[in-house]
Amino acid sequence: MSRFVRPSKYRHTFGQQNKKEQCFDNIKISASAWDTDLAKVNPLYLAVNSQVSGGGAFQVIPLSHSGKVPDVYPLVRAHAAPVLDTAWNPFDDHIIASAGEDSRVQITKIDDDALEAAWIEGATVEDIKPLPTNLTHGGRKAGHVLWHPTASGVLASAAADIRIWDVEAQVAQIELQAHPDMVQSLAFNSTGALMATTCKDKKLRLFDLRASSNPVKISESHTGVKGSRVCWLGTHDRLVTTGFSRMSDRQVFLWDTAHLDKPLKQITVDTSSGTLMPFWSDNNILFLAGKGDGNVRYYEYENDDLLYLTEYKSGDPQRGMTFLPRRGLNVSEHEIARAYKVTNNSVDPISFIVPRKSEAFQNDIFPPAPSAKPALSAKEFFSGSTKSPIMLDLETGGTSSGPAHSHSTYTPSPTSAESTPTRSASAPAPQSQSIFSKVKEAVIAPLAPHEPPKTESPKSSPVDRSPAEDNAPAKLPSPSSTPPSSENGEALKAQVASLQEELAERDVIIRDLELKVERMQVAQKKARDLFADV
């Protein structure tokens, strides 16, 4: 049996709950039975669905004001019935959309002064009102709301139908009427040209938004009667759905969007009644948080597989959860993701950290994140333009524009380019090797063809040899005469990088063992002292 496991930069990622004073306490959280995350967060604010009498409302709390929320606090009173879902505008951190049981979709601009007044003793606290809007689903409760990932002013909302709104014109430019019952979940792909949905009829649908109001693909999904969720895996042409089997087993399905006839992979997580909430990180990590659970599992996507990493465990069950956009992370602490866990009356931040000794920026664990700049206007999007999101370099703060695409009917390629090069799914995984054999393969093997055959030469005295002969390596080829091929060079670099990752993992394991030995030594000393006293 090999001593080594699959190399991964994120193998030792751990979840760390923030201190009590950094959590948000004294919050009246909605008791609605609707399947929602209950909270949404951006780099400035946390929004939480509130339990109020007389209409629907939600709270917006600045992330800078953690701790106990004042008893008298301004609410965003945007609906005449309970709020079911909210979504922050990815291009304006002060704009939030909300959907409620009154069938309306509202847009609200957050006033910092109104929120700050709650922390000033004696100040007048006033509720926040939404902007004048006329976005409605005509009598059916609006259960979901989601902003477009690349176009400004484009918003999707879902009831039994899905409407794509031009917010400025207050017109639904696209209507998707193919669902016979309430939509349970929806997700844009990275460019916003495609949308995936799950419905109460247990089907997964894929839409090309500018081609037709009918889905381009439909597939049978989870067979259980409870809620199902869908999540797009970033720039990959892959989807993940979570749901239940007929025996109430919680399941995770991985789908290829080019072939929705059956999942690429099926994972049975456990048997429980809480919905699994999926959250994707561009580190190629999928986080799964179950309602009513105290833990958060995370998997790494690689070669059309979801490989289990580990889980964050807690004794406090979560009612909902949301993840901070990656542009708001604390990269100096090697924080690759941050979740906000909703409990009965509080919201607790959980940081997911990759342990690194160096305090320098770690390029390998912080790929560019979607920026706060739109790549398209609403007019450009509805006229057929498609662009990748503008990406933000988390080290320098610089942005880079994605390429423009001429829109056409959805025809995905099964071998579409992905953000990171991966091994073919049909290729066998390399077997684990020892460090020595890998060094031999990486360093000695490329040089072997260039080594001249060993010949026994007569011994000569130092007088018979020139200084140039003494200093010249007799058995190594000249770099200029026999340069290694580019393929060998790339293979050598890849193998050396793999060895460096394994050595880094070994250092972490050794450090963990050292800490355990130190704790054992302290415990032994205490035991000896106790016996000495006796």
Foldseek 3Di string as FASTA:
>chain_A
DDPDDDFDLQLPWAKDWDDQQQWEFQAAADPDPADEQQWEDELFWIKGWHDDPFWTWIDIATSVRHHYQAPDFAIEREGRAYWQEKDAQLQDRQWMWTFFQQQFIFIAGHDPVLGVQSVDPPGDHYYGYTDDADGGDPNFGWRDKDAAQFAPQWIWIWFQKIFIANGVVRDGLFIQNPGPGGWQEKDAAQFRQKMWTQGQVQKIFICRGQPDSYGPDIERHAPDRDGKYKDHQHNAQKIWMWDAHPQQFTKIFIPRNQDRHGGPDMDGDGHDDFTWDWDYANLQKIWTATAQAQKIWIFHDAQSDTHTNGMHGDPAGFRRKYWYFQLSDDQLQQFRIWMWGHGNGITIIMTTHRDDPDSDGDPSSDDWGAHSHHPHYPVCVNVFKTFGGWTADSPPRDTDTTDIDGDDPDNDDSPDDDPDDHDHSPDDDDDDDDLVVLCCVLPVVQQVVVWDDDDDDDDDDPVVDDPVVVPDDPGGDDCVVDPGDPVSVVVSVVSVVSSVSVVVVVVVVVVVVVVVVVVVVVVVVVVVVVVVVD
